[in-house]
């Protein structure tokens, strides 16, 4: 599975509708509105790089109000929850 974090610039008056439209796209896990240099951040999970190449410019980039995207592909995930669950395998309360 390929995980990507997509930083999305959106026209200010289109943020709520664009965020929901992006969240409704298959392969998009979550969309966050945020303060800072970008308007939205989306997490994407797909099986192949080809799917990612189709999804970002072909679907997310064409949502009304989207001005630009920058995509970061994750190599590895680090999570406290993942570590804790790994150490609790086979342990019963």
PDB file of N, CA and C in Angstrom:
ATOM      1  N   UNK A   1       0.846  -1.174   0.000  1.00  0.00           N
ATOM      2  CA  UNK A   1       0.000   0.000   0.000  1.00  0.00           C
ATOM      3  C   UNK A   1       0.891   1.237   0.000  1.00  0.00           C
ATOM      4  N   UNK A   2       0.564   2.201  -0.838  1.00  0.00           N
ATOM      5  CA  UNK A   2       1.298   3.464  -0.927  1.00  0.00           C
ATOM      6  C   UNK A   2       0.488   4.536  -0.201  1.00  0.00           C
ATOM      7  N   UNK A   3       1.140   5.218   0.723  1.00  0.00           N
ATOM      8  CA  UNK A   3       0.488   6.307   1.444  1.00  0.00           C
ATOM      9  C   UNK A   3       1.109   7.616   1.006  1.00  0.00           C
ATOM     10  N   UNK A   4       0.244   8.590   0.726  1.00  0.00           N
ATOM     11  CA  UNK A   4       0.722   9.911   0.349  1.00  0.00           C
ATOM     12  C   UNK A   4      -0.012  10.962   1.168  1.00  0.00           C
ATOM     13  N   UNK A   5       0.690  12.044   1.419  1.00  0.00           N
ATOM     14  CA  UNK A   5       0.113  13.204   2.074  1.00  0.00           C
ATOM     15  C   UNK A   5       0.071  14.289   1.012  1.00  0.00           C
ATOM     16  N   UNK A   6      -1.124  14.827   0.770  1.00  0.00           N
ATOM     17  CA  UNK A   6      -1.305  15.808  -0.295  1.00  0.00           C
ATOM     18  C   UNK A   6      -1.644  17.163   0.319  1.00  0.00           C
ATOM     19  N   UNK A   7      -0.804  18.151   0.045  1.00  0.00           N
ATOM     20  CA  UNK A   7      -1.028  19.524   0.488  1.00  0.00           C
ATOM     21  C   UNK A   7      -1.788  20.228  -0.631  1.00  0.00           C
ATOM     22  N   UNK A   8      -2.905  20.861  -0.300  1.00  0.00           N
ATOM     23  CA  UNK A   8      -3.807  21.375  -1.324  1.00  0.00           C
ATOM     24  C   UNK A   8      -4.118  22.848  -1.092  1.00  0.00           C
ATOM     25  N   UNK A   9      -3.886  23.667  -2.111  1.00  0.00           N
ATOM     26  CA  UNK A   9      -4.261  25.076  -2.090  1.00  0.00           C
ATOM     27  C   UNK A   9      -5.634  25.191  -2.748  1.00  0.00           C
ATOM     28  N   UNK A  10      -6.542  25.913  -2.090  1.00  0.00           N
ATOM     29  CA  UNK A  10      -7.916  26.024  -2.565  1.00  0.00           C
ATOM     30  C   UNK A  10      -8.356  27.484  -2.486  1.00  0.00           C
ATOM     31  N   UNK A  11      -9.211  27.899  -3.419  1.00  0.00           N
ATOM     32  CA  UNK A  11      -9.817  29.225  -3.326  1.00  0.00           C
ATOM     33  C   UNK A  11     -10.541  29.324  -1.980  1.00  0.00           C
ATOM     34  N   UNK A  12     -10.377  30.430  -1.290  1.00  0.00           N
ATOM     35  CA  UNK A  12     -10.882  30.572   0.082  1.00  0.00           C
ATOM     36  C   UNK A  12     -12.366  30.262   0.216  1.00  0.00           C
ATOM     37  N   UNK A  13     -13.177  30.725  -0.702  1.00  0.00           N
ATOM     38  CA  UNK A  13     -14.620  30.506  -0.575  1.00  0.00           C
ATOM     39  C   UNK A  13     -15.045  29.092  -0.970  1.00  0.00           C
ATOM     40  N   UNK A  14     -14.123  28.302  -1.495  1.00  0.00           N
ATOM     41  CA  UNK A  14     -14.446  26.940  -1.932  1.00  0.00           C
ATOM     42  C   UNK A  14     -13.954  25.859  -0.966  1.00  0.00           C
ATOM     43  N   UNK A  15     -13.305  26.257   0.125  1.00  0.00           N
ATOM     44  CA  UNK A  15     -12.669  25.276   1.016  1.00  0.00           C
ATOM     45  C   UNK A  15     -13.639  24.213   1.538  1.00  0.00           C
ATOM     46  N   UNK A  16     -14.786  24.572   2.112  1.00  0.00           N
ATOM     47  CA  UNK A  16     -15.657  23.516   2.653  1.00  0.00           C
ATOM     48  C   UNK A  16     -16.152  22.525   1.588  1.00  0.00           C
ATOM     49  N   UNK A  17     -16.591  23.054   0.445  1.00  0.00           N
ATOM     50  CA  UNK A  17     -17.098  22.171  -0.618  1.00  0.00           C
ATOM     51  C   UNK A  17     -15.975  21.337  -1.230  1.00  0.00           C
ATOM     52  N   UNK A  18     -14.818  21.949  -1.429  1.00  0.00           N
ATOM     53  CA  UNK A  18     -13.690  21.212  -1.990  1.00  0.00           C
ATOM     54  C   UNK A  18     -13.240  20.115  -1.030  1.00  0.00           C
ATOM     55  N   UNK A  19     -13.195  20.420   0.262  1.00  0.00           N
ATOM     56  CA  UNK A  19     -12.777  19.429   1.257  1.00  0.00           C
ATOM     57  C   UNK A  19     -13.701  18.222   1.234  1.00  0.00           C
ATOM     58  N   UNK A  20     -15.010  18.450   1.165  1.00  0.00           N
ATOM     59  CA  UNK A  20     -15.957  17.338   1.143  1.00  0.00           C
ATOM     60  C   UNK A  20     -15.856  16.551  -0.166  1.00  0.00           C
ATOM     61  N   UNK A  21     -15.700  17.253  -1.274  1.00  0.00           N
ATOM     62  CA  UNK A  21     -15.571  16.575  -2.568  1.00  0.00           C
ATOM     63  C   UNK A  21     -14.324  15.694  -2.598  1.00  0.00           C
ATOM     64  N   UNK A  22     -13.232  16.198  -2.035  1.00  0.00           N
ATOM     65  CA  UNK A  22     -11.991  15.412  -1.983  1.00  0.00           C
ATOM     66  C   UNK A  22     -12.162  14.219  -1.050  1.00  0.00           C
ATOM     67  N   UNK A  23     -12.806  14.425   0.088  1.00  0.00           N
ATOM     68  CA  UNK A  23     -13.021  13.328   1.045  1.00  0.00           C
ATOM     69  C   UNK A  23     -13.867  12.213   0.439  1.00  0.00           C
ATOM     70  N   UNK A  24     -14.723  12.551  -0.510  1.00  0.00           N
ATOM     71  CA  UNK A  24     -15.595  11.561  -1.152  1.00  0.00           C
ATOM     72  C   UNK A  24     -14.894  10.754  -2.243  1.00  0.00           C
ATOM     73  N   UNK A  25     -13.676  11.110  -2.605  1.00  0.00           N
ATOM     74  CA  UNK A  25     -12.936  10.404  -3.651  1.00  0.00           C
ATOM     75  C   UNK A  25     -12.381   9.098  -3.092  1.00  0.00           C
ATOM     76  N   UNK A  26     -12.590   8.004  -3.817  1.00  0.00           N
ATOM     77  CA  UNK A  26     -12.059   6.705  -3.389  1.00  0.00           C
ATOM     78  C   UNK A  26     -10.541   6.761  -3.330  1.00  0.00           C
ATOM     79  N   UNK A  27      -9.986   6.283  -2.232  1.00  0.00           N
ATOM     80  CA  UNK A  27      -8.541   6.317  -2.022  1.00  0.00           C
ATOM     81  C   UNK A  27      -8.119   7.404  -1.053  1.00  0.00           C
ATOM     82  N   UNK A  28      -8.997   8.397  -0.848  1.00  0.00           N
ATOM     83  CA  UNK A  28      -8.708   9.461   0.104  1.00  0.00           C
ATOM     84  C   UNK A  28      -9.210   9.016   1.470  1.00  0.00           C
ATOM     85  N   UNK A  29      -8.321   9.029   2.453  1.00  0.00           N
ATOM     86  CA  UNK A  29      -8.697   8.605   3.796  1.00  0.00           C
ATOM     87  C   UNK A  29      -9.308   9.722   4.609  1.00  0.00           C
ATOM     88  N   UNK A  30      -8.586  10.817   4.709  1.00  0.00           N
ATOM     89  CA  UNK A  30      -9.029  11.945   5.522  1.00  0.00           C
ATOM     90  C   UNK A  30      -8.616  13.240   4.848  1.00  0.00           C
ATOM     91  N   UNK A  31      -9.382  14.292   5.132  1.00  0.00           N
ATOM     92  CA  UNK A  31      -9.051  15.637   4.656  1.00  0.00           C
ATOM     93  C   UNK A  31      -9.134  16.570   5.857  1.00  0.00           C
ATOM     94  N   UNK A  32      -8.094  17.353   6.059  1.00  0.00           N
ATOM     95  CA  UNK A  32      -8.046  18.302   7.169  1.00  0.00           C
ATOM     96  C   UNK A  32      -7.975  19.720   6.619  1.00  0.00           C
ATOM     97  N   UNK A  33      -8.790  20.621   7.153  1.00  0.00           N
ATOM     98  CA  UNK A  33      -8.592  22.037   6.870  1.00  0.00           C
ATOM     99  C   UNK A  33      -7.592  22.527   7.906  1.00  0.00           C
ATOM    100  N   UNK A  34      -6.744  23.453   7.519  1.00  0.00           N
ATOM    101  CA  UNK A  34      -5.693  23.863   8.446  1.00  0.00           C
ATOM    102  C   UNK A  34      -5.265  25.299   8.182  1.00  0.00           C
ATOM    103  N   UNK A  35      -4.568  25.838   9.156  1.00  0.00           N
ATOM    104  CA  UNK A  35      -3.968  27.158   9.021  1.00  0.00           C
ATOM    105  C   UNK A  35      -2.537  26.968   8.535  1.00  0.00           C
ATOM    106  N   UNK A  36      -2.013  27.971   7.883  1.00  0.00           N
ATOM    107  CA  UNK A  36      -0.631  27.882   7.425  1.00  0.00           C
ATOM    108  C   UNK A  36      -0.528  28.090   5.930  1.00  0.00           C
ATOM    109  N   UNK A  37       0.477  27.488   5.340  1.00  0.00           N
ATOM    110  CA  UNK A  37       0.764  27.698   3.924  1.00  0.00           C
ATOM    111  C   UNK A  37      -0.201  26.993   2.983  1.00  0.00           C
ATOM    112  N   UNK A  38      -0.923  26.000   3.478  1.00  0.00           N
ATOM    113  CA  UNK A  38      -1.887  25.280   2.642  1.00  0.00           C
ATOM    114  C   UNK A  38      -3.259  25.333   3.295  1.00  0.00           C
ATOM    115  N   UNK A  39      -4.271  25.071   2.487  1.00  0.00           N
ATOM    116  CA  UNK A  39      -5.641  25.138   2.989  1.00  0.00           C
ATOM    117  C   UNK A  39      -6.164  23.788   3.458  1.00  0.00           C
ATOM    118  N   UNK A  40      -5.787  22.726   2.747  1.00  0.00           N
ATOM    119  CA  UNK A  40      -6.239  21.380   3.073  1.00  0.00           C
ATOM    120  C   UNK A  40      -5.066  20.418   3.027  1.00  0.00           C
ATOM    121  N   UNK A  41      -5.135  19.391   3.860  1.00  0.00           N
ATOM    122  CA  UNK A  41      -4.178  18.296   3.808  1.00  0.00           C
ATOM    123  C   UNK A  41      -4.990  17.011   3.731  1.00  0.00           C
ATOM    124  N   UNK A  42      -4.685  16.182   2.727  1.00  0.00           N
ATOM    125  CA  UNK A  42      -5.402  14.918   2.549  1.00  0.00           C
ATOM    126  C   UNK A  42      -4.429  13.755   2.671  1.00  0.00           C
ATOM    127  N   UNK A  43      -4.913  12.666   3.257  1.00  0.00           N
ATOM    128  CA  UNK A  43      -4.141  11.428   3.265  1.00  0.00           C
ATOM    129  C   UNK A  43      -4.739  10.510   2.201  1.00  0.00           C
ATOM    130  N   UNK A  44      -3.868   9.879   1.444  1.00  0.00           N
ATOM    131  CA  UNK A  44      -4.288   9.030   0.335  1.00  0.00           C
ATOM    132  C   UNK A  44      -3.603   7.676   0.467  1.00  0.00           C
ATOM    133  N   UNK A  45      -4.352   6.605   0.237  1.00  0.00           N
ATOM    134  CA  UNK A  45      -3.772   5.255   0.223  1.00  0.00           C
ATOM    135  C   UNK A  45      -4.237   4.551  -1.048  1.00  0.00           C
ATOM    136  N   UNK A  46      -3.262   4.098  -1.838  1.00  0.00           N
ATOM    137  CA  UNK A  46      -3.540   3.388  -3.081  1.00  0.00           C
ATOM    138  C   UNK A  46      -2.590   2.207  -3.198  1.00  0.00           C
ATOM    139  N   UNK A  47      -2.866   1.328  -4.144  1.00  0.00           N
ATOM    140  CA  UNK A  47      -2.046   0.133  -4.318  1.00  0.00           C
ATOM    141  C   UNK A  47      -0.838   0.348  -5.207  1.00  0.00           C
ATOM    142  N   UNK A  48      -0.955   1.240  -6.194  1.00  0.00           N
ATOM    143  CA  UNK A  48       0.136   1.411  -7.155  1.00  0.00           C
ATOM    144  C   UNK A  48       0.440   2.891  -7.377  1.00  0.00           C
ATOM    145  N   UNK A  49       1.636   3.145  -7.885  1.00  0.00           N
ATOM    146  CA  UNK A  49       2.011   4.519  -8.225  1.00  0.00           C
ATOM    147  C   UNK A  49       1.141   5.041  -9.370  1.00  0.00           C
ATOM    148  N   UNK A  50       0.717   4.153 -10.257  1.00  0.00           N
ATOM    149  CA  UNK A  50      -0.148   4.565 -11.357  1.00  0.00           C
ATOM    150  C   UNK A  50      -1.472   5.100 -10.838  1.00  0.00           C
ATOM    151  N   UNK A  51      -2.030   4.440  -9.801  1.00  0.00           N
ATOM    152  CA  UNK A  51      -3.269   4.928  -9.192  1.00  0.00           C
ATOM    153  C   UNK A  51      -3.056   6.303  -8.583  1.00  0.00           C
ATOM    154  N   UNK A  52      -1.917   6.493  -7.947  1.00  0.00           N
ATOM    155  CA  UNK A  52      -1.596   7.779  -7.345  1.00  0.00           C
ATOM    156  C   UNK A  52      -1.478   8.848  -8.433  1.00  0.00           C
ATOM    157  N   UNK A  53      -0.831   8.493  -9.525  1.00  0.00           N
ATOM    158  CA  UNK A  53      -0.664   9.431 -10.633  1.00  0.00           C
ATOM    159  C   UNK A  53      -2.006   9.813 -11.250  1.00  0.00           C
ATOM    160  N   UNK A  54      -2.967   8.910 -11.240  1.00  0.00           N
ATOM    161  CA  UNK A  54      -4.309   9.215 -11.752  1.00  0.00           C
ATOM    162  C   UNK A  54      -5.122  10.007 -10.735  1.00  0.00           C
ATOM    163  N   UNK A  55      -5.005   9.638  -9.468  1.00  0.00           N
ATOM    164  CA  UNK A  55      -5.832  10.222  -8.418  1.00  0.00           C
ATOM    165  C   UNK A  55      -5.525  11.691  -8.156  1.00  0.00           C
ATOM    166  N   UNK A  56      -4.251  12.027  -8.037  1.00  0.00           N
ATOM    167  CA  UNK A  56      -3.892  13.397  -7.644  1.00  0.00           C
ATOM    168  C   UNK A  56      -4.251  14.397  -8.752  1.00  0.00           C
ATOM    169  N   UNK A  57      -3.645  14.306  -9.931  1.00  0.00           N
ATOM    170  CA  UNK A  57      -4.009  15.313 -10.938  1.00  0.00           C
ATOM    171  C   UNK A  57      -5.376  15.068 -11.580  1.00  0.00           C
ATOM    172  N   UNK A  58      -5.771  13.819 -11.699  1.00  0.00           N
ATOM    173  CA  UNK A  58      -6.991  13.492 -12.417  1.00  0.00           C
ATOM    174  C   UNK A  58      -8.269  13.668 -11.633  1.00  0.00           C
ATOM    175  N   UNK A  59      -8.205  13.527 -10.318  1.00  0.00           N
ATOM    176  CA  UNK A  59      -9.417  13.643  -9.497  1.00  0.00           C
ATOM    177  C   UNK A  59      -9.307  14.820  -8.535  1.00  0.00           C
ATOM    178  N   UNK A  60      -8.299  14.810  -7.656  1.00  0.00           N
ATOM    179  CA  UNK A  60      -8.170  15.890  -6.672  1.00  0.00           C
ATOM    180  C   UNK A  60      -7.912  17.224  -7.365  1.00  0.00           C
ATOM    181  N   UNK A  61      -7.006  17.238  -8.324  1.00  0.00           N
ATOM    182  CA  UNK A  61      -6.665  18.473  -9.027  1.00  0.00           C
ATOM    183  C   UNK A  61      -7.807  19.071  -9.825  1.00  0.00           C
ATOM    184  N   UNK A  62      -8.831  18.271 -10.115  1.00  0.00           N
ATOM    185  CA  UNK A  62      -9.961  18.754 -10.908  1.00  0.00           C
ATOM    186  C   UNK A  62     -11.181  19.130 -10.070  1.00  0.00           C
ATOM    187  N   UNK A  63     -11.062  19.021  -8.749  1.00  0.00           N
ATOM    188  CA  UNK A  63     -12.153  19.455  -7.872  1.00  0.00           C
ATOM    189  C   UNK A  63     -12.285  20.974  -8.001  1.00  0.00           C
ATOM    190  N   UNK A  64     -13.503  21.482  -8.196  1.00  0.00           N
ATOM    191  CA  UNK A  64     -13.676  22.932  -8.308  1.00  0.00           C
ATOM    192  C   UNK A  64     -13.093  23.679  -7.104  1.00  0.00           C
ATOM    193  N   UNK A  65     -12.307  24.697  -7.400  1.00  0.00           N
ATOM    194  CA  UNK A  65     -11.690  25.508  -6.358  1.00  0.00           C
ATOM    195  C   UNK A  65     -10.252  25.129  -6.041  1.00  0.00           C
ATOM    196  N   UNK A  66      -9.830  23.919  -6.422  1.00  0.00           N
ATOM    197  CA  UNK A  66      -8.449  23.499  -6.155  1.00  0.00           C
ATOM    198  C   UNK A  66      -7.514  24.254  -7.099  1.00  0.00           C
ATOM    199  N   UNK A  67      -6.512  24.901  -6.509  1.00  0.00           N
ATOM    200  CA  UNK A  67      -5.557  25.701  -7.275  1.00  0.00           C
ATOM    201  C   UNK A  67      -4.243  24.972  -7.514  1.00  0.00           C
ATOM    202  N   UNK A  68      -3.800  24.184  -6.509  1.00  0.00           N
ATOM    203  CA  UNK A  68      -2.493  23.530  -6.626  1.00  0.00           C
ATOM    204  C   UNK A  68      -2.413  22.393  -5.613  1.00  0.00           C
ATOM    205  N   UNK A  69      -1.590  21.403  -5.925  1.00  0.00           N
ATOM    206  CA  UNK A  69      -1.332  20.315  -4.982  1.00  0.00           C
ATOM    207  C   UNK A  69       0.167  20.045  -4.928  1.00  0.00           C
ATOM    208  N   UNK A  70       0.613  19.601  -3.765  1.00  0.00           N
ATOM    209  CA  UNK A  70       1.988  19.123  -3.575  1.00  0.00           C
ATOM    210  C   UNK A  70       1.855  17.791  -2.859  1.00  0.00           C
ATOM    211  N   UNK A  71       2.474  16.759  -3.425  1.00  0.00           N
ATOM    212  CA  UNK A  71       2.311  15.407  -2.894  1.00  0.00           C
ATOM    213  C   UNK A  71       3.604  14.910  -2.271  1.00  0.00           C
ATOM    214  N   UNK A  72       3.481  14.332  -1.080  1.00  0.00           N
ATOM    215  CA  UNK A  72       4.606  13.723  -0.381  1.00  0.00           C
ATOM    216  C   UNK A  72       4.275  12.244  -0.197  1.00  0.00           C
ATOM    217  N   UNK A  73       5.141  11.374  -0.664  1.00  0.00           N
ATOM    218  CA  UNK A  73       4.926   9.930  -0.523  1.00  0.00           C
ATOM    219  C   UNK A  73       5.636   9.448   0.735  1.00  0.00           C
ATOM    220  N   UNK A  74       4.898   8.718   1.568  1.00  0.00           N
ATOM    221  CA  UNK A  74       5.456   8.209   2.825  1.00  0.00           C
ATOM    222  C   UNK A  74       6.243   6.925   2.566  1.00  0.00           C
ATOM    223  N   UNK A  75       7.405   6.812   3.184  1.00  0.00           N
ATOM    224  CA  UNK A  75       8.216   5.600   3.098  1.00  0.00           C
ATOM    225  C   UNK A  75       7.898   4.638   4.230  1.00  0.00           C
ATOM    226  N   UNK A  76       7.694   5.190   5.423  1.00  0.00           N
ATOM    227  CA  UNK A  76       7.498   4.370   6.614  1.00  0.00           C
ATOM    228  C   UNK A  76       6.597   5.130   7.584  1.00  0.00           C
ATOM    229  N   UNK A  77       5.838   4.396   8.369  1.00  0.00           N
ATOM    230  CA  UNK A  77       4.944   4.998   9.341  1.00  0.00           C
ATOM    231  C   UNK A  77       5.471   4.738  10.748  1.00  0.00           C
ATOM    232  N   UNK A  78       5.461   5.769  11.569  1.00  0.00           N
ATOM    233  CA  UNK A  78       5.843   5.645  12.968  1.00  0.00           C
ATOM    234  C   UNK A  78       4.667   6.101  13.803  1.00  0.00           C
ATOM    235  N   UNK A  79       4.204   5.255  14.688  1.00  0.00           N
ATOM    236  CA  UNK A  79       3.037   5.594  15.484  1.00  0.00           C
ATOM    237  C   UNK A  79       3.129   4.952  16.851  1.00  0.00           C
ATOM    238  N   UNK A  80       2.847   5.698  17.857  1.00  0.00           N
ATOM    239  CA  UNK A  80       2.851   5.151  19.219  1.00  0.00           C
ATOM    240  C   UNK A  80       1.809   4.041  19.332  1.00  0.00           C
ATOM    241  N   UNK A  81       0.645   4.238  18.723  1.00  0.00           N
ATOM    242  CA  UNK A  81      -0.419   3.228  18.769  1.00  0.00           C
ATOM    243  C   UNK A  81       0.040   1.925  18.114  1.00  0.00           C
ATOM    244  N   UNK A  82       0.756   2.020  16.990  1.00  0.00           N
ATOM    245  CA  UNK A  82       1.247   0.822  16.313  1.00  0.00           C
ATOM    246  C   UNK A  82       2.234   0.066  17.201  1.00  0.00           C
ATOM    247  N   UNK A  83       3.127   0.798  17.860  1.00  0.00           N
ATOM    248  CA  UNK A  83       4.119   0.170  18.723  1.00  0.00           C
ATOM    249  C   UNK A  83       3.452  -0.497  19.914  1.00  0.00           C
ATOM    250  N   UNK A  84       2.510   0.204  20.535  1.00  0.00           N
ATOM    251  CA  UNK A  84       1.837  -0.353  21.696  1.00  0.00           C
ATOM    252  C   UNK A  84       1.030  -1.596  21.331  1.00  0.00           C
ATOM    253  N   UNK A  85       0.370  -1.588  20.184  1.00  0.00           N
ATOM    254  CA  UNK A  85      -0.426  -2.748  19.781  1.00  0.00           C
ATOM    255  C   UNK A  85       0.472  -3.919  19.429  1.00  0.00           C
ATOM    256  N   UNK A  86       1.633  -3.676  18.873  1.00  0.00           N
ATOM    257  CA  UNK A  86       2.562  -4.758  18.544  1.00  0.00           C
ATOM    258  C   UNK A  86       3.044  -5.467  19.805  1.00  0.00           C
ATOM    259  N   UNK A  87       3.289  -4.697  20.868  1.00  0.00           N
ATOM    260  CA  UNK A  87       3.760  -5.287  22.110  1.00  0.00           C
ATOM    261  C   UNK A  87       2.650  -5.957  22.930  1.00  0.00           C
ATOM    262  N   UNK A  88       1.391  -5.700  22.558  1.00  0.00           N
ATOM    263  CA  UNK A  88       0.294  -6.304  23.307  1.00  0.00           C
ATOM    264  C   UNK A  88      -0.285  -7.541  22.634  1.00  0.00           C
ATOM    265  N   UNK A  89       0.298  -7.934  21.501  1.00  0.00           N
ATOM    266  CA  UNK A  89      -0.201  -9.139  20.807  1.00  0.00           C
ATOM    267  C   UNK A  89      -0.044 -10.349  21.707  1.00  0.00           C
ATOM    268  N   UNK A  90      -1.121 -11.056  21.899  1.00  0.00           N
ATOM    269  CA  UNK A  90      -1.099 -12.271  22.728  1.00  0.00           C
ATOM    270  C   UNK A  90      -1.241 -12.032  24.207  1.00  0.00           C
ATOM    271  N   UNK A  91      -1.303 -10.772  24.608  1.00  0.00           N
ATOM    272  CA  UNK A  91      -1.467 -10.438  26.013  1.00  0.00           C
ATOM    273  C   UNK A  91      -2.953 -10.199  26.274  1.00  0.00           C
ATOM    274  N   UNK A  92      -3.480 -10.917  27.249  1.00  0.00           N
ATOM    275  CA  UNK A  92      -4.909 -10.745  27.562  1.00  0.00           C
ATOM    276  C   UNK A  92      -5.042 -10.111  28.926  1.00  0.00           C
ATOM    277  N   UNK A  93      -6.030  -9.218  29.035  1.00  0.00           N
ATOM    278  CA  UNK A  93      -6.290  -8.554  30.331  1.00  0.00           C
ATOM    279  C   UNK A  93      -7.127  -9.404  31.227  1.00  0.00           C
TER     280      UNK A  93
END
